[in-house]
Amino acid sequence: MAGGSKRYSRNNSNGNFQSLPERGPVESLIYWRDVKKSGIVFGAGLITLVAISSFSVISVFAYLSLLALVGTVAFRVYKSVTQAVQKTNDGHPFKEYLELDLTLSQEKVQHFAGVAVAHINGFVAELRRLFLVEDIIDSIKFGVILWVFTYIGAWFNGMTLVILAFVSLFTLPKVYENNKQSIDTYLDLVRNKLTEITDKIRVALPIGNKKPVAAAAAESDKDK
């Protein structure tokens, strides 16, 4: 165990242990490296989101905070009584957490701000490219996605979509990791088919400003 990081493994289809790739702390939760921790986070998050969908955010925050406060006070009193009866001096039961450094350094804040600004700039530039039809095929694809979203919005409200996204976050990555080879095979087939259809549409549309990959390669061979 190097650097205090845990190594995880699983049984493959042949019954042998297969080493799983190392993940960061957030990714480890999503990929269920520690089932107990991931289960707690997933359960608590799902309960919170379901509660928010039924009650106001302020009420949910107040009740959850009150529940957490009652739990910590009860545990603090229990440990104090236990120490008094056993005549021990173990100190504050939450001493380890009270000593955690939760301050954000200026470097971290600047790093996160830089990453956020870069993503926002890229998002705005992409929207401008799509809405101003820099590439008609990409704009048509974007229009189809927006059209699909109109149906999704009619079927689900915003909070339901957030809950579905949260559940997907804790299920789809693990499913993909366990079936990566077969999923990649089907994704490649779909991607190749979409590329083929897109190239045909680009050829058929006279206002398309980009040549398909196959046509560009053929024209390059002719020039040689």
C-alpha atoms as a PDB file:
ATOM      1  CA  MET A   1       0.000   0.000   0.000  1.00  0.00           C
ATOM      2  CA  ALA A   2       2.002   2.981  -1.268  1.00  0.00           C
ATOM      3  CA  GLY A   3       1.280   6.449   0.021  1.00  0.00           C
ATOM      4  CA  GLY A   4      -1.656   5.185   2.125  1.00  0.00           C
ATOM      5  CA  SER A   5      -3.807   4.453  -0.950  1.00  0.00           C
ATOM      6  CA  LYS A   6      -5.841   1.247  -1.063  1.00  0.00           C
ATOM      7  CA  ARG A   7      -5.684  -1.238  -3.913  1.00  0.00           C
ATOM      8  CA  TYR A   8      -8.958  -2.829  -4.963  1.00  0.00           C
ATOM      9  CA  SER A   9      -9.585  -5.963  -6.982  1.00  0.00           C
ATOM     10  CA  ARG A  10     -12.505  -8.049  -8.228  1.00  0.00           C
ATOM     11  CA  ASN A  11     -13.228 -11.475  -9.662  1.00  0.00           C
ATOM     12  CA  ASN A  12     -13.205 -11.532 -13.458  1.00  0.00           C
ATOM     13  CA  SER A  13     -15.146 -13.924 -15.696  1.00  0.00           C
ATOM     14  CA  ASN A  14     -12.428 -16.591 -15.274  1.00  0.00           C
ATOM     15  CA  GLY A  15     -12.673 -16.512 -11.487  1.00  0.00           C
ATOM     16  CA  ASN A  16      -9.309 -14.771 -11.099  1.00  0.00           C
ATOM     17  CA  PHE A  17      -8.697 -11.537  -9.199  1.00  0.00           C
ATOM     18  CA  GLN A  18      -8.320  -8.500 -11.435  1.00  0.00           C
ATOM     19  CA  SER A  19      -6.740  -5.300 -10.099  1.00  0.00           C
ATOM     20  CA  LEU A  20      -8.977  -2.252 -10.446  1.00  0.00           C
ATOM     21  CA  PRO A  21      -7.548   1.135 -11.469  1.00  0.00           C
ATOM     22  CA  GLU A  22      -6.869   3.644  -8.714  1.00  0.00           C
ATOM     23  CA  ARG A  23      -9.415   6.446  -8.345  1.00  0.00           C
ATOM     24  CA  GLY A  24      -9.536   9.741  -6.505  1.00  0.00           C
ATOM     25  CA  PRO A  25     -11.678  10.116  -3.369  1.00  0.00           C
ATOM     26  CA  VAL A  26     -14.785  11.254  -5.287  1.00  0.00           C
ATOM     27  CA  GLU A  27     -14.328   8.691  -8.071  1.00  0.00           C
ATOM     28  CA  SER A  28     -13.837   5.955  -5.471  1.00  0.00           C
ATOM     29  CA  LEU A  29     -17.306   6.740  -4.125  1.00  0.00           C
ATOM     30  CA  ILE A  30     -18.859   6.685  -7.597  1.00  0.00           C
ATOM     31  CA  TYR A  31     -17.123   3.421  -8.544  1.00  0.00           C
ATOM     32  CA  TRP A  32     -18.070   1.781  -5.214  1.00  0.00           C
ATOM     33  CA  ARG A  33     -14.499   0.963  -4.175  1.00  0.00           C
ATOM     34  CA  ASP A  34     -15.677   0.991  -0.560  1.00  0.00           C
ATOM     35  CA  VAL A  35     -19.259  -0.309  -0.585  1.00  0.00           C
ATOM     36  CA  LYS A  36     -20.002   0.981   2.927  1.00  0.00           C
ATOM     37  CA  LYS A  37     -18.906   4.561   2.235  1.00  0.00           C
ATOM     38  CA  SER A  38     -20.523   4.665  -1.203  1.00  0.00           C
ATOM     39  CA  GLY A  39     -23.755   3.229   0.211  1.00  0.00           C
ATOM     40  CA  ILE A  40     -23.891   5.862   2.950  1.00  0.00           C
ATOM     41  CA  VAL A  41     -23.241   8.732   0.527  1.00  0.00           C
ATOM     42  CA  PHE A  42     -25.664   7.367  -2.065  1.00  0.00           C
ATOM     43  CA  GLY A  43     -28.411   6.712   0.468  1.00  0.00           C
ATOM     44  CA  ALA A  44     -28.030  10.068   2.220  1.00  0.00           C
ATOM     45  CA  GLY A  45     -27.914  11.947  -1.083  1.00  0.00           C
ATOM     46  CA  LEU A  46     -30.939  10.147  -2.500  1.00  0.00           C
ATOM     47  CA  ILE A  47     -32.996  10.711   0.657  1.00  0.00           C
ATOM     48  CA  THR A  48     -32.050  14.400   0.630  1.00  0.00           C
ATOM     49  CA  LEU A  49     -33.028  14.854  -3.017  1.00  0.00           C
ATOM     50  CA  VAL A  50     -36.342  13.021  -2.553  1.00  0.00           C
ATOM     51  CA  ALA A  51     -37.072  15.172   0.501  1.00  0.00           C
ATOM     52  CA  ILE A  52     -36.270  18.359  -1.435  1.00  0.00           C
ATOM     53  CA  SER A  53     -38.664  17.256  -4.184  1.00  0.00           C
ATOM     54  CA  SER A  54     -41.471  17.025  -1.590  1.00  0.00           C
ATOM     55  CA  PHE A  55     -40.600  19.869   0.790  1.00  0.00           C
ATOM     56  CA  SER A  56     -38.869  23.234   0.601  1.00  0.00           C
ATOM     57  CA  VAL A  57     -35.081  23.391   0.576  1.00  0.00           C
ATOM     58  CA  ILE A  58     -35.088  25.444   3.778  1.00  0.00           C
ATOM     59  CA  SER A  59     -37.210  22.860   5.604  1.00  0.00           C
ATOM     60  CA  VAL A  60     -35.047  19.965   4.433  1.00  0.00           C
ATOM     61  CA  PHE A  61     -31.849  21.794   5.424  1.00  0.00           C
ATOM     62  CA  ALA A  62     -33.270  22.709   8.834  1.00  0.00           C
ATOM     63  CA  TYR A  63     -34.524  19.189   9.615  1.00  0.00           C
ATOM     64  CA  LEU A  64     -31.343  17.472   8.443  1.00  0.00           C
ATOM     65  CA  SER A  65     -29.165  19.931  10.367  1.00  0.00           C
ATOM     66  CA  LEU A  66     -31.328  19.468  13.482  1.00  0.00           C
ATOM     67  CA  LEU A  67     -31.083  15.678  13.138  1.00  0.00           C
ATOM     68  CA  ALA A  68     -27.291  15.870  12.797  1.00  0.00           C
ATOM     69  CA  LEU A  69     -27.054  18.229  15.784  1.00  0.00           C
ATOM     70  CA  VAL A  70     -29.164  15.944  17.988  1.00  0.00           C
ATOM     71  CA  GLY A  71     -26.990  13.008  16.998  1.00  0.00           C
ATOM     72  CA  THR A  72     -23.691  14.752  17.776  1.00  0.00           C
ATOM     73  CA  VAL A  73     -24.986  16.162  21.094  1.00  0.00           C
ATOM     74  CA  ALA A  74     -26.280  12.737  22.153  1.00  0.00           C
ATOM     75  CA  PHE A  75     -22.987  11.078  21.232  1.00  0.00           C
ATOM     76  CA  ARG A  76     -21.024  13.804  23.065  1.00  0.00           C
ATOM     77  CA  VAL A  77     -23.113  13.324  26.221  1.00  0.00           C
ATOM     78  CA  TYR A  78     -22.835   9.529  25.958  1.00  0.00           C
ATOM     79  CA  LYS A  79     -19.032   9.649  25.683  1.00  0.00           C
ATOM     80  CA  SER A  80     -18.794  12.117  28.585  1.00  0.00           C
ATOM     81  CA  VAL A  81     -20.925   9.883  30.830  1.00  0.00           C
ATOM     82  CA  THR A  82     -18.916   6.817  29.770  1.00  0.00           C
ATOM     83  CA  GLN A  83     -15.630   8.560  30.579  1.00  0.00           C
ATOM     84  CA  ALA A  84     -16.967   9.682  33.953  1.00  0.00           C
ATOM     85  CA  VAL A  85     -18.159   6.187  34.888  1.00  0.00           C
ATOM     86  CA  GLN A  86     -15.005   4.455  33.701  1.00  0.00           C
ATOM     87  CA  LYS A  87     -12.816   7.282  35.037  1.00  0.00           C
ATOM     88  CA  THR A  88     -10.952   7.649  31.754  1.00  0.00           C
ATOM     89  CA  ASN A  89      -9.747  10.761  29.986  1.00  0.00           C
ATOM     90  CA  ASP A  90     -10.124  10.087  26.267  1.00  0.00           C
ATOM     91  CA  GLY A  91     -10.785  13.730  25.504  1.00  0.00           C
ATOM     92  CA  HIS A  92     -13.301  15.159  23.088  1.00  0.00           C
ATOM     93  CA  PRO A  93     -14.903  12.429  20.921  1.00  0.00           C
ATOM     94  CA  PHE A  94     -14.745  14.678  17.848  1.00  0.00           C
ATOM     95  CA  LYS A  95     -11.216  15.924  18.447  1.00  0.00           C
ATOM     96  CA  GLU A  96      -9.939  14.369  15.204  1.00  0.00           C
ATOM     97  CA  TYR A  97     -12.530  16.239  13.151  1.00  0.00           C
ATOM     98  CA  LEU A  98     -12.183  19.493  15.089  1.00  0.00           C
ATOM     99  CA  GLU A  99      -8.480  19.563  14.213  1.00  0.00           C
ATOM    100  CA  LEU A 100      -9.048  19.074  10.480  1.00  0.00           C
ATOM    101  CA  ASP A 101      -7.844  21.989   8.385  1.00  0.00           C
ATOM    102  CA  LEU A 102     -10.849  23.143   6.350  1.00  0.00           C
ATOM    103  CA  THR A 103      -9.386  26.423   5.127  1.00  0.00           C
ATOM    104  CA  LEU A 104      -9.040  27.021   1.403  1.00  0.00           C
ATOM    105  CA  SER A 105      -5.662  28.295   0.293  1.00  0.00           C
ATOM    106  CA  GLN A 106      -5.418  31.179  -2.154  1.00  0.00           C
ATOM    107  CA  GLU A 107      -3.742  28.874  -4.681  1.00  0.00           C
ATOM    108  CA  LYS A 108      -6.647  26.406  -4.581  1.00  0.00           C
ATOM    109  CA  VAL A 109      -9.219  29.172  -4.969  1.00  0.00           C
ATOM    110  CA  GLN A 110      -7.342  30.619  -7.948  1.00  0.00           C
ATOM    111  CA  HIS A 111      -7.004  27.146  -9.495  1.00  0.00           C
ATOM    112  CA  PHE A 112     -10.732  26.385  -9.181  1.00  0.00           C
ATOM    113  CA  ALA A 113     -11.618  29.855 -10.444  1.00  0.00           C
ATOM    114  CA  GLY A 114      -9.347  29.402 -13.470  1.00  0.00           C
ATOM    115  CA  VAL A 115     -10.859  26.012 -14.282  1.00  0.00           C
ATOM    116  CA  ALA A 116     -14.398  27.400 -13.929  1.00  0.00           C
ATOM    117  CA  VAL A 117     -13.648  30.392 -16.169  1.00  0.00           C
ATOM    118  CA  ALA A 118     -12.077  28.148 -18.813  1.00  0.00           C
ATOM    119  CA  HIS A 119     -15.156  25.887 -18.866  1.00  0.00           C
ATOM    120  CA  ILE A 120     -17.536  28.864 -19.022  1.00  0.00           C
ATOM    121  CA  ASN A 121     -15.605  30.425 -21.900  1.00  0.00           C
ATOM    122  CA  GLY A 122     -15.572  27.143 -23.791  1.00  0.00           C
ATOM    123  CA  PHE A 123     -19.304  26.650 -23.186  1.00  0.00           C
ATOM    124  CA  VAL A 124     -20.170  30.159 -24.401  1.00  0.00           C
ATOM    125  CA  ALA A 125     -17.971  29.787 -27.489  1.00  0.00           C
ATOM    126  CA  GLU A 126     -19.603  26.453 -28.348  1.00  0.00           C
ATOM    127  CA  LEU A 127     -23.108  27.907 -27.976  1.00  0.00           C
ATOM    128  CA  ARG A 128     -22.167  30.804 -30.263  1.00  0.00           C
ATOM    129  CA  ARG A 129     -20.820  28.361 -32.849  1.00  0.00           C
ATOM    130  CA  LEU A 130     -23.983  26.256 -32.751  1.00  0.00           C
ATOM    131  CA  PHE A 131     -26.544  29.079 -32.766  1.00  0.00           C
ATOM    132  CA  LEU A 132     -24.748  31.052 -35.479  1.00  0.00           C
ATOM    133  CA  VAL A 133     -24.461  27.901 -37.648  1.00  0.00           C
ATOM    134  CA  GLU A 134     -20.704  27.762 -38.124  1.00  0.00           C
ATOM    135  CA  ASP A 135     -21.232  24.129 -39.107  1.00  0.00           C
ATOM    136  CA  ILE A 136     -24.764  23.328 -40.258  1.00  0.00           C
ATOM    137  CA  ILE A 137     -24.498  19.626 -39.375  1.00  0.00           C
ATOM    138  CA  ASP A 138     -23.471  20.362 -35.796  1.00  0.00           C
ATOM    139  CA  SER A 139     -26.263  22.930 -35.509  1.00  0.00           C
ATOM    140  CA  ILE A 140     -28.801  20.388 -36.788  1.00  0.00           C
ATOM    141  CA  LYS A 141     -27.549  17.843 -34.245  1.00  0.00           C
ATOM    142  CA  PHE A 142     -27.904  20.487 -31.540  1.00  0.00           C
ATOM    143  CA  GLY A 143     -31.457  21.211 -32.710  1.00  0.00           C
ATOM    144  CA  VAL A 144     -32.357  17.519 -32.511  1.00  0.00           C
ATOM    145  CA  ILE A 145     -31.004  17.359 -28.951  1.00  0.00           C
ATOM    146  CA  LEU A 146     -33.053  20.433 -27.973  1.00  0.00           C
ATOM    147  CA  TRP A 147     -36.139  18.848 -29.561  1.00  0.00           C
ATOM    148  CA  VAL A 148     -35.590  15.676 -27.499  1.00  0.00           C
ATOM    149  CA  PHE A 149     -35.204  17.833 -24.381  1.00  0.00           C
ATOM    150  CA  THR A 150     -38.670  19.332 -24.989  1.00  0.00           C
ATOM    151  CA  TYR A 151     -40.149  15.846 -24.571  1.00  0.00           C
ATOM    152  CA  ILE A 152     -37.971  15.096 -21.546  1.00  0.00           C
ATOM    153  CA  GLY A 153     -39.114  18.366 -19.969  1.00  0.00           C
ATOM    154  CA  ALA A 154     -42.741  17.412 -20.606  1.00  0.00           C
ATOM    155  CA  TRP A 155     -42.284  14.006 -18.967  1.00  0.00           C
ATOM    156  CA  PHE A 156     -40.145  14.992 -15.953  1.00  0.00           C
ATOM    157  CA  ASN A 157     -39.740  18.064 -13.786  1.00  0.00           C
ATOM    158  CA  GLY A 158     -36.352  19.497 -12.898  1.00  0.00           C
ATOM    159  CA  MET A 159     -36.037  17.770  -9.517  1.00  0.00           C
ATOM    160  CA  THR A 160     -36.889  14.371 -11.013  1.00  0.00           C
ATOM    161  CA  LEU A 161     -34.120  14.851 -13.582  1.00  0.00           C
ATOM    162  CA  VAL A 162     -31.670  15.736 -10.788  1.00  0.00           C
ATOM    163  CA  ILE A 163     -32.608  12.541  -8.920  1.00  0.00           C
ATOM    164  CA  LEU A 164     -32.215  10.448 -12.085  1.00  0.00           C
ATOM    165  CA  ALA A 165     -28.844  12.085 -12.765  1.00  0.00           C
ATOM    166  CA  PHE A 166     -27.720  11.350  -9.193  1.00  0.00           C
ATOM    167  CA  VAL A 167     -28.767   7.681  -9.443  1.00  0.00           C
ATOM    168  CA  SER A 168     -27.069   7.404 -12.847  1.00  0.00           C
ATOM    169  CA  LEU A 169     -23.894   8.900 -11.385  1.00  0.00           C
ATOM    170  CA  PHE A 170     -23.668   6.025  -8.907  1.00  0.00           C
ATOM    171  CA  THR A 171     -24.711   3.257 -11.318  1.00  0.00           C
ATOM    172  CA  LEU A 172     -23.631   3.904 -14.923  1.00  0.00           C
ATOM    173  CA  PRO A 173     -19.868   4.324 -14.266  1.00  0.00           C
ATOM    174  CA  LYS A 174     -19.762   1.024 -12.385  1.00  0.00           C
ATOM    175  CA  VAL A 175     -21.803  -0.761 -15.055  1.00  0.00           C
ATOM    176  CA  TYR A 176     -19.451   0.603 -17.726  1.00  0.00           C
ATOM    177  CA  GLU A 177     -16.364  -0.454 -15.766  1.00  0.00           C
ATOM    178  CA  ASN A 178     -17.681  -3.999 -15.384  1.00  0.00           C
ATOM    179  CA  ASN A 179     -18.704  -4.303 -19.062  1.00  0.00           C
ATOM    180  CA  LYS A 180     -16.210  -1.941 -20.691  1.00  0.00           C
ATOM    181  CA  GLN A 181     -15.147  -4.180 -23.573  1.00  0.00           C
ATOM    182  CA  SER A 182     -18.631  -5.068 -24.835  1.00  0.00           C
ATOM    183  CA  ILE A 183     -19.969  -1.524 -24.334  1.00  0.00           C
ATOM    184  CA  ASP A 184     -17.015  -0.017 -26.218  1.00  0.00           C
ATOM    185  CA  THR A 185     -17.650  -2.410 -29.097  1.00  0.00           C
ATOM    186  CA  TYR A 186     -21.267  -1.291 -29.478  1.00  0.00           C
ATOM    187  CA  LEU A 187     -20.342   2.371 -28.993  1.00  0.00           C
ATOM    188  CA  ASP A 188     -17.772   2.118 -31.797  1.00  0.00           C
ATOM    189  CA  LEU A 189     -20.403   0.633 -34.106  1.00  0.00           C
ATOM    190  CA  VAL A 190     -22.850   3.434 -33.311  1.00  0.00           C
ATOM    191  CA  ARG A 191     -20.130   6.079 -33.660  1.00  0.00           C
ATOM    192  CA  ASN A 192     -19.018   4.743 -37.046  1.00  0.00           C
ATOM    193  CA  LYS A 193     -22.627   4.618 -38.259  1.00  0.00           C
ATOM    194  CA  LEU A 194     -23.278   8.177 -37.146  1.00  0.00           C
ATOM    195  CA  THR A 195     -20.073   9.341 -38.845  1.00  0.00           C
ATOM    196  CA  GLU A 196     -21.130   7.618 -42.063  1.00  0.00           C
ATOM    197  CA  ILE A 197     -24.582   9.241 -41.977  1.00  0.00           C
ATOM    198  CA  THR A 198     -23.091  12.635 -41.144  1.00  0.00           C
ATOM    199  CA  ASP A 199     -20.674  12.421 -44.080  1.00  0.00           C
ATOM    200  CA  LYS A 200     -23.544  11.592 -46.441  1.00  0.00           C
ATOM    201  CA  ILE A 201     -25.548  14.562 -45.173  1.00  0.00           C
ATOM    202  CA  ARG A 202     -22.571  16.875 -45.588  1.00  0.00           C
ATOM    203  CA  VAL A 203     -22.218  15.785 -49.211  1.00  0.00           C
ATOM    204  CA  ALA A 204     -25.955  16.227 -49.848  1.00  0.00           C
ATOM    205  CA  LEU A 205     -26.129  19.713 -48.339  1.00  0.00           C
ATOM    206  CA  PRO A 206     -24.592  22.335 -50.656  1.00  0.00           C
ATOM    207  CA  ILE A 207     -24.218  24.833 -47.801  1.00  0.00           C
ATOM    208  CA  GLY A 208     -22.128  22.542 -45.659  1.00  0.00           C
ATOM    209  CA  ASN A 209     -18.783  24.216 -45.178  1.00  0.00           C
ATOM    210  CA  LYS A 210     -16.839  21.139 -44.122  1.00  0.00           C
ATOM    211  CA  LYS A 211     -15.950  18.174 -46.293  1.00  0.00           C
ATOM    212  CA  PRO A 212     -16.528  14.716 -44.860  1.00  0.00           C
ATOM    213  CA  VAL A 213     -13.464  12.866 -43.703  1.00  0.00           C
ATOM    214  CA  ALA A 214     -13.760  10.148 -46.349  1.00  0.00           C
ATOM    215  CA  ALA A 215     -14.227  12.661 -49.180  1.00  0.00           C
ATOM    216  CA  ALA A 216     -11.308  14.786 -48.004  1.00  0.00           C
ATOM    217  CA  ALA A 217      -9.046  11.725 -47.874  1.00  0.00           C
ATOM    218  CA  ALA A 218     -10.081  10.644 -51.406  1.00  0.00           C
ATOM    219  CA  GLU A 219      -9.466  14.114 -52.795  1.00  0.00           C
ATOM    220  CA  SER A 220      -6.042  14.196 -51.157  1.00  0.00           C
ATOM    221  CA  ASP A 221      -5.151  10.869 -52.800  1.00  0.00           C
ATOM    222  CA  LYS A 222      -6.193  12.196 -56.219  1.00  0.00           C
ATOM    223  CA  ASP A 223      -3.985  15.256 -55.828  1.00  0.00           C
ATOM    224  CA  LYS A 224      -1.021  13.001 -55.170  1.00  0.00           C
END
